[in-house]
Every structure is written in C-alpha cells, then in structure tokens.
Amino acid sequence: MSGWISVKERLPEINETFISFVENKVVCTCTRYQNRAKDNAPIFYANTKAGLLICSLESISHWMPLPEPPEDK
C-alpha cells in the first residue's frame, strides 16, 4: 500500500496539512480550508518556493497525511 488516498475516496480534514499529488505531477504540502464565500467548498493552499498558491480540488488527485517528525536523540 502506497499511502496515497484518492480525493474521490476521501478529503483531508479542514485545517489539515498534507502531502498532495497535483495534476502536473508535482508533490507538495497543502493545507485544506473551508471557502466560506463560496458554498463552503473546499479550498487548498499549496506551500511552494514561490509562497502559498491556491489549488483547486480538480488539480489534486491524491493526498497522504504528513509523516511523524523525526525524534531528536
């Protein structure tokens, strides 16, 4: 099992940051928010080198939860 979840199967929770697979084969972290101005439709912000970019649900095909951070020893 790869850990990738199809957006057709299930969406991330609101305010959850996750790893996403975007249509142009870019893997990046995104955060899901609720768009209160537009029928509470989901809205996603991608964290990129250029800053935050809005991603539509149609552009994200799969996602997975962030892994646990490494332990400091």
PDB file of N, CA and C in Angstrom:
ATOM      1  N   MET A   1       0.838  -1.181   0.000  1.00  0.00           N
ATOM      2  CA  MET A   1       0.000   0.000   0.000  1.00  0.00           C
ATOM      3  C   MET A   1       0.880   1.240   0.000  1.00  0.00           C
ATOM      4  N   SER A   2       0.599   2.173  -0.894  1.00  0.00           N
ATOM      5  CA  SER A   2       1.461   3.337  -1.067  1.00  0.00           C
ATOM      6  C   SER A   2       1.195   4.442  -0.058  1.00  0.00           C
ATOM      7  N   GLY A   3       0.023   4.463   0.534  1.00  0.00           N
ATOM      8  CA  GLY A   3      -0.318   5.540   1.462  1.00  0.00           C
ATOM      9  C   GLY A   3      -1.070   6.683   0.809  1.00  0.00           C
ATOM     10  N   TRP A   4      -1.110   6.725  -0.537  1.00  0.00           N
ATOM     11  CA  TRP A   4      -1.842   7.770  -1.249  1.00  0.00           C
ATOM     12  C   TRP A   4      -3.339   7.492  -1.170  1.00  0.00           C
ATOM     13  N   ILE A   5      -4.118   8.552  -0.920  1.00  0.00           N
ATOM     14  CA  ILE A   5      -5.574   8.457  -0.826  1.00  0.00           C
ATOM     15  C   ILE A   5      -6.167   9.292  -1.956  1.00  0.00           C
ATOM     16  N   SER A   6      -7.056   8.716  -2.730  1.00  0.00           N
ATOM     17  CA  SER A   6      -7.704   9.450  -3.815  1.00  0.00           C
ATOM     18  C   SER A   6      -8.670  10.477  -3.226  1.00  0.00           C
ATOM     19  N   VAL A   7      -8.714  11.673  -3.820  1.00  0.00           N
ATOM     20  CA  VAL A   7      -9.681  12.681  -3.358  1.00  0.00           C
ATOM     21  C   VAL A   7     -11.108  12.231  -3.664  1.00  0.00           C
ATOM     22  N   LYS A   8     -11.254  11.257  -4.561  1.00  0.00           N
ATOM     23  CA  LYS A   8     -12.584  10.700  -4.832  1.00  0.00           C
ATOM     24  C   LYS A   8     -13.033   9.799  -3.686  1.00  0.00           C
ATOM     25  N   GLU A   9     -12.050   9.236  -2.965  1.00  0.00           N
ATOM     26  CA  GLU A   9     -12.348   8.355  -1.836  1.00  0.00           C
ATOM     27  C   GLU A   9     -12.628   9.159  -0.570  1.00  0.00           C
ATOM     28  N   ARG A  10     -11.763  10.151  -0.303  1.00  0.00           N
ATOM     29  CA  ARG A  10     -11.879  10.909   0.945  1.00  0.00           C
ATOM     30  C   ARG A  10     -11.024  12.159   0.857  1.00  0.00           C
ATOM     31  N   LEU A  11     -11.497  13.254   1.467  1.00  0.00           N
ATOM     32  CA  LEU A  11     -10.734  14.503   1.521  1.00  0.00           C
ATOM     33  C   LEU A  11     -10.035  14.629   2.863  1.00  0.00           C
ATOM     34  N   PRO A  12      -8.942  15.393   2.910  1.00  0.00           N
ATOM     35  CA  PRO A  12      -8.315  15.667   4.201  1.00  0.00           C
ATOM     36  C   PRO A  12      -9.274  16.470   5.085  1.00  0.00           C
ATOM     37  N   GLU A  13      -9.017  16.467   6.375  1.00  0.00           N
ATOM     38  CA  GLU A  13      -9.813  17.256   7.309  1.00  0.00           C
ATOM     39  C   GLU A  13      -9.554  18.747   7.081  1.00  0.00           C
ATOM     40  N   ILE A  14     -10.506  19.580   7.473  1.00  0.00           N
ATOM     41  CA  ILE A  14     -10.332  21.036   7.396  1.00  0.00           C
ATOM     42  C   ILE A  14      -9.175  21.432   8.306  1.00  0.00           C
ATOM     43  N   ASN A  15      -8.318  22.329   7.840  1.00  0.00           N
ATOM     44  CA  ASN A  15      -7.114  22.823   8.524  1.00  0.00           C
ATOM     45  C   ASN A  15      -6.000  21.778   8.623  1.00  0.00           C
ATOM     46  N   GLU A  16      -6.137  20.671   7.934  1.00  0.00           N
ATOM     47  CA  GLU A  16      -5.097  19.640   7.932  1.00  0.00           C
ATOM     48  C   GLU A  16      -4.073  19.946   6.844  1.00  0.00           C
ATOM     49  N   THR A  17      -2.792  19.845   7.194  1.00  0.00           N
ATOM     50  CA  THR A  17      -1.715  19.965   6.214  1.00  0.00           C
ATOM     51  C   THR A  17      -1.327  18.551   5.792  1.00  0.00           C
ATOM     52  N   PHE A  18      -1.118  18.366   4.501  1.00  0.00           N
ATOM     53  CA  PHE A  18      -0.907  17.031   3.963  1.00  0.00           C
ATOM     54  C   PHE A  18       0.008  17.106   2.747  1.00  0.00           C
ATOM     55  N   ILE A  19       0.466  15.961   2.291  1.00  0.00           N
ATOM     56  CA  ILE A  19       1.251  15.864   1.064  1.00  0.00           C
ATOM     57  C   ILE A  19       0.266  15.616  -0.073  1.00  0.00           C
ATOM     58  N   SER A  20       0.418  16.360  -1.164  1.00  0.00           N
ATOM     59  CA  SER A  20      -0.519  16.216  -2.281  1.00  0.00           C
ATOM     60  C   SER A  20       0.212  15.864  -3.567  1.00  0.00           C
ATOM     61  N   PHE A  21      -0.510  15.212  -4.451  1.00  0.00           N
ATOM     62  CA  PHE A  21      -0.027  14.901  -5.792  1.00  0.00           C
ATOM     63  C   PHE A  21      -0.901  15.699  -6.740  1.00  0.00           C
ATOM     64  N   VAL A  22      -0.308  16.687  -7.396  1.00  0.00           N
ATOM     65  CA  VAL A  22      -1.045  17.626  -8.234  1.00  0.00           C
ATOM     66  C   VAL A  22      -0.937  17.185  -9.689  1.00  0.00           C
ATOM     67  N   GLU A  23      -1.901  17.601 -10.490  1.00  0.00           N
ATOM     68  CA  GLU A  23      -2.054  17.131 -11.875  1.00  0.00           C
ATOM     69  C   GLU A  23      -0.785  17.183 -12.716  1.00  0.00           C
ATOM     70  N   ASN A  24       0.064  18.166 -12.483  1.00  0.00           N
ATOM     71  CA  ASN A  24       1.291  18.240 -13.285  1.00  0.00           C
ATOM     72  C   ASN A  24       2.429  17.448 -12.649  1.00  0.00           C
ATOM     73  N   LYS A  25       2.057  16.492 -11.810  1.00  0.00           N
ATOM     74  CA  LYS A  25       2.990  15.559 -11.181  1.00  0.00           C
ATOM     75  C   LYS A  25       3.925  16.222 -10.182  1.00  0.00           C
ATOM     76  N   VAL A  26       3.451  17.289  -9.558  1.00  0.00           N
ATOM     77  CA  VAL A  26       4.206  17.958  -8.501  1.00  0.00           C
ATOM     78  C   VAL A  26       3.726  17.417  -7.162  1.00  0.00           C
ATOM     79  N   VAL A  27       4.657  17.068  -6.314  1.00  0.00           N
ATOM     80  CA  VAL A  27       4.317  16.649  -4.966  1.00  0.00           C
ATOM     81  C   VAL A  27       4.688  17.798  -4.038  1.00  0.00           C
ATOM     82  N   CYS A  28       3.715  18.267  -3.259  1.00  0.00           N
ATOM     83  CA  CYS A  28       3.975  19.379  -2.346  1.00  0.00           C
ATOM     84  C   CYS A  28       3.061  19.250  -1.141  1.00  0.00           C
ATOM     85  N   THR A  29       3.323  20.061  -0.126  1.00  0.00           N
ATOM     86  CA  THR A  29       2.412  20.081   1.008  1.00  0.00           C
ATOM     87  C   THR A  29       1.318  21.099   0.749  1.00  0.00           C
ATOM     88  N   CYS A  30       0.131  20.773   1.188  1.00  0.00           N
ATOM     89  CA  CYS A  30      -1.034  21.653   1.058  1.00  0.00           C
ATOM     90  C   CYS A  30      -1.765  21.677   2.391  1.00  0.00           C
ATOM     91  N   THR A  31      -2.594  22.671   2.563  1.00  0.00           N
ATOM     92  CA  THR A  31      -3.482  22.748   3.712  1.00  0.00           C
ATOM     93  C   THR A  31      -4.892  22.967   3.196  1.00  0.00           C
ATOM     94  N   ARG A  32      -5.838  22.242   3.763  1.00  0.00           N
ATOM     95  CA  ARG A  32      -7.240  22.391   3.346  1.00  0.00           C
ATOM     96  C   ARG A  32      -7.934  23.403   4.254  1.00  0.00           C
ATOM     97  N   TYR A  33      -8.672  24.300   3.636  1.00  0.00           N
ATOM     98  CA  TYR A  33      -9.508  25.258   4.354  1.00  0.00           C
ATOM     99  C   TYR A  33     -10.918  25.184   3.797  1.00  0.00           C
ATOM    100  N   GLN A  34     -11.849  25.803   4.492  1.00  0.00           N
ATOM    101  CA  GLN A  34     -13.227  25.873   4.024  1.00  0.00           C
ATOM    102  C   GLN A  34     -13.452  27.246   3.419  1.00  0.00           C
ATOM    103  N   ASN A  35     -13.952  27.317   2.193  1.00  0.00           N
ATOM    104  CA  ASN A  35     -14.205  28.575   1.497  1.00  0.00           C
ATOM    105  C   ASN A  35     -15.599  29.064   1.868  1.00  0.00           C
ATOM    106  N   ARG A  36     -15.674  29.906   2.876  1.00  0.00           N
ATOM    107  CA  ARG A  36     -16.969  30.365   3.374  1.00  0.00           C
ATOM    108  C   ARG A  36     -17.671  31.292   2.389  1.00  0.00           C
ATOM    109  N   ALA A  37     -16.936  31.872   1.463  1.00  0.00           N
ATOM    110  CA  ALA A  37     -17.535  32.789   0.492  1.00  0.00           C
ATOM    111  C   ALA A  37     -18.190  32.050  -0.671  1.00  0.00           C
ATOM    112  N   LYS A  38     -17.911  30.769  -0.807  1.00  0.00           N
ATOM    113  CA  LYS A  38     -18.424  30.028  -1.965  1.00  0.00           C
ATOM    114  C   LYS A  38     -18.993  28.678  -1.531  1.00  0.00           C
ATOM    115  N   ASP A  39     -20.158  28.683  -0.941  1.00  0.00           N
ATOM    116  CA  ASP A  39     -20.880  27.456  -0.580  1.00  0.00           C
ATOM    117  C   ASP A  39     -20.070  26.476   0.264  1.00  0.00           C
ATOM    118  N   ASN A  40     -19.148  26.969   1.061  1.00  0.00           N
ATOM    119  CA  ASN A  40     -18.306  26.116   1.903  1.00  0.00           C
ATOM    120  C   ASN A  40     -17.523  25.071   1.117  1.00  0.00           C
ATOM    121  N   ALA A  41     -17.244  25.349  -0.144  1.00  0.00           N
ATOM    122  CA  ALA A  41     -16.454  24.429  -0.966  1.00  0.00           C
ATOM    123  C   ALA A  41     -15.031  24.342  -0.406  1.00  0.00           C
ATOM    124  N   PRO A  42     -14.386  23.183  -0.521  1.00  0.00           N
ATOM    125  CA  PRO A  42     -13.011  23.085  -0.028  1.00  0.00           C
ATOM    126  C   PRO A  42     -12.067  23.946  -0.859  1.00  0.00           C
ATOM    127  N   ILE A  43     -11.088  24.526  -0.186  1.00  0.00           N
ATOM    128  CA  ILE A  43     -10.049  25.315  -0.862  1.00  0.00           C
ATOM    129  C   ILE A  43      -8.711  24.834  -0.306  1.00  0.00           C
ATOM    130  N   PHE A  44      -7.712  24.749  -1.168  1.00  0.00           N
ATOM    131  CA  PHE A  44      -6.414  24.215  -0.774  1.00  0.00           C
ATOM    132  C   PHE A  44      -5.326  25.229  -1.084  1.00  0.00           C
ATOM    133  N   TYR A  45      -4.400  25.404  -0.144  1.00  0.00           N
ATOM    134  CA  TYR A  45      -3.235  26.255  -0.363  1.00  0.00           C
ATOM    135  C   TYR A  45      -2.009  25.366  -0.421  1.00  0.00           C
ATOM    136  N   ALA A  46      -1.261  25.461  -1.512  1.00  0.00           N
ATOM    137  CA  ALA A  46      -0.029  24.691  -1.677  1.00  0.00           C
ATOM    138  C   ALA A  46       1.143  25.519  -1.179  1.00  0.00           C
ATOM    139  N   ASN A  47       2.030  24.896  -0.427  1.00  0.00           N
ATOM    140  CA  ASN A  47       3.238  25.546   0.067  1.00  0.00           C
ATOM    141  C   ASN A  47       4.344  25.314  -0.953  1.00  0.00           C
ATOM    142  N   THR A  48       4.760  26.373  -1.653  1.00  0.00           N
ATOM    143  CA  THR A  48       5.773  26.251  -2.700  1.00  0.00           C
ATOM    144  C   THR A  48       6.915  27.225  -2.437  1.00  0.00           C
ATOM    145  N   LYS A  49       7.974  27.114  -3.225  1.00  0.00           N
ATOM    146  CA  LYS A  49       9.092  28.055  -3.115  1.00  0.00           C
ATOM    147  C   LYS A  49       8.638  29.485  -3.380  1.00  0.00           C
ATOM    148  N   ALA A  50       7.619  29.637  -4.225  1.00  0.00           N
ATOM    149  CA  ALA A  50       7.101  30.966  -4.568  1.00  0.00           C
ATOM    150  C   ALA A  50       6.130  31.496  -3.515  1.00  0.00           C
ATOM    151  N   GLY A  51       5.831  30.708  -2.508  1.00  0.00           N
ATOM    152  CA  GLY A  51       4.872  31.105  -1.483  1.00  0.00           C
ATOM    153  C   GLY A  51       3.630  30.244  -1.562  1.00  0.00           C
ATOM    154  N   LEU A  52       2.553  30.728  -0.975  1.00  0.00           N
ATOM    155  CA  LEU A  52       1.303  29.975  -0.981  1.00  0.00           C
ATOM    156  C   LEU A  52       0.562  30.163  -2.296  1.00  0.00           C
ATOM    157  N   LEU A  53       0.125  29.079  -2.879  1.00  0.00           N
ATOM    158  CA  LEU A  53      -0.662  29.113  -4.106  1.00  0.00           C
ATOM    159  C   LEU A  53      -1.979  28.390  -3.867  1.00  0.00           C
ATOM    160  N   ILE A  54      -3.044  28.894  -4.442  1.00  0.00           N
ATOM    161  CA  ILE A  54      -4.338  28.232  -4.316  1.00  0.00           C
ATOM    162  C   ILE A  54      -4.403  27.082  -5.312  1.00  0.00           C
ATOM    163  N   CYS A  55      -4.805  25.911  -4.837  1.00  0.00           N
ATOM    164  CA  CYS A  55      -5.015  24.742  -5.694  1.00  0.00           C
ATOM    165  C   CYS A  55      -6.493  24.400  -5.657  1.00  0.00           C
ATOM    166  N   SER A  56      -7.037  24.067  -6.790  1.00  0.00           N
ATOM    167  CA  SER A  56      -8.427  23.625  -6.824  1.00  0.00           C
ATOM    168  C   SER A  56      -8.488  22.135  -6.519  1.00  0.00           C
ATOM    169  N   LEU A  57      -9.636  21.691  -6.083  1.00  0.00           N
ATOM    170  CA  LEU A  57      -9.823  20.266  -5.828  1.00  0.00           C
ATOM    171  C   LEU A  57      -9.588  19.461  -7.099  1.00  0.00           C
ATOM    172  N   GLU A  58      -9.942  20.036  -8.240  1.00  0.00           N
ATOM    173  CA  GLU A  58      -9.767  19.341  -9.515  1.00  0.00           C
ATOM    174  C   GLU A  58      -8.298  19.106  -9.856  1.00  0.00           C
ATOM    175  N   SER A  59      -7.391  19.917  -9.304  1.00  0.00           N
ATOM    176  CA  SER A  59      -5.972  19.767  -9.634  1.00  0.00           C
ATOM    177  C   SER A  59      -5.261  18.749  -8.748  1.00  0.00           C
ATOM    178  N   ILE A  60      -5.866  18.374  -7.639  1.00  0.00           N
ATOM    179  CA  ILE A  60      -5.263  17.402  -6.723  1.00  0.00           C
ATOM    180  C   ILE A  60      -5.927  16.053  -6.957  1.00  0.00           C
ATOM    181  N   SER A  61      -5.123  15.042  -7.268  1.00  0.00           N
ATOM    182  CA  SER A  61      -5.709  13.718  -7.499  1.00  0.00           C
ATOM    183  C   SER A  61      -5.610  12.824  -6.268  1.00  0.00           C
ATOM    184  N   HIS A  62      -4.498  12.942  -5.531  1.00  0.00           N
ATOM    185  CA  HIS A  62      -4.257  12.085  -4.376  1.00  0.00           C
ATOM    186  C   HIS A  62      -3.570  12.885  -3.269  1.00  0.00           C
ATOM    187  N   TRP A  63      -3.668  12.387  -2.056  1.00  0.00           N
ATOM    188  CA  TRP A  63      -3.020  13.030  -0.912  1.00  0.00           C
ATOM    189  C   TRP A  63      -2.668  11.959   0.118  1.00  0.00           C
ATOM    190  N   MET A  64      -1.813  12.334   1.064  1.00  0.00           N
ATOM    191  CA  MET A  64      -1.498  11.452   2.194  1.00  0.00           C
ATOM    192  C   MET A  64      -1.162  12.312   3.404  1.00  0.00           C
ATOM    193  N   PRO A  65      -1.423  11.803   4.606  1.00  0.00           N
ATOM    194  CA  PRO A  65      -1.083  12.558   5.812  1.00  0.00           C
ATOM    195  C   PRO A  65       0.427  12.757   5.914  1.00  0.00           C
ATOM    196  N   LEU A  66       0.816  13.819   6.597  1.00  0.00           N
ATOM    197  CA  LEU A  66       2.240  14.040   6.850  1.00  0.00           C
ATOM    198  C   LEU A  66       2.764  12.952   7.774  1.00  0.00           C
ATOM    199  N   PRO A  67       3.992  12.509   7.572  1.00  0.00           N
ATOM    200  CA  PRO A  67       4.567  11.521   8.495  1.00  0.00           C
ATOM    201  C   PRO A  67       4.893  12.181   9.832  1.00  0.00           C
ATOM    202  N   GLU A  68       5.095  11.365  10.827  1.00  0.00           N
ATOM    203  CA  GLU A  68       5.529  11.876  12.127  1.00  0.00           C
ATOM    204  C   GLU A  68       6.923  12.477  11.976  1.00  0.00           C
ATOM    205  N   PRO A  69       7.225  13.574  12.687  1.00  0.00           N
ATOM    206  CA  PRO A  69       8.567  14.153  12.599  1.00  0.00           C
ATOM    207  C   PRO A  69       9.602  13.216  13.221  1.00  0.00           C
ATOM    208  N   PRO A  70      10.865  13.356  12.815  1.00  0.00           N
ATOM    209  CA  PRO A  70      11.908  12.503  13.394  1.00  0.00           C
ATOM    210  C   PRO A  70      12.098  12.825  14.876  1.00  0.00           C
ATOM    211  N   GLU A  71      12.529  11.823  15.604  1.00  0.00           N
ATOM    212  CA  GLU A  71      12.795  12.019  17.029  1.00  0.00           C
ATOM    213  C   GLU A  71      14.196  12.571  17.209  1.00  0.00           C
ATOM    214  N   ASP A  72      14.338  13.550  18.097  1.00  0.00           N
ATOM    215  CA  ASP A  72      15.665  14.077  18.438  1.00  0.00           C
ATOM    216  C   ASP A  72      16.310  13.139  19.441  1.00  0.00           C
ATOM    217  N   LYS A  73      17.567  12.806  19.174  1.00  0.00           N
ATOM    218  CA  LYS A  73      18.287  11.919  20.101  1.00  0.00           C
ATOM    219  C   LYS A  73      19.514  12.601  20.603  1.00  0.00           C
TER     220      LYS A  73
END
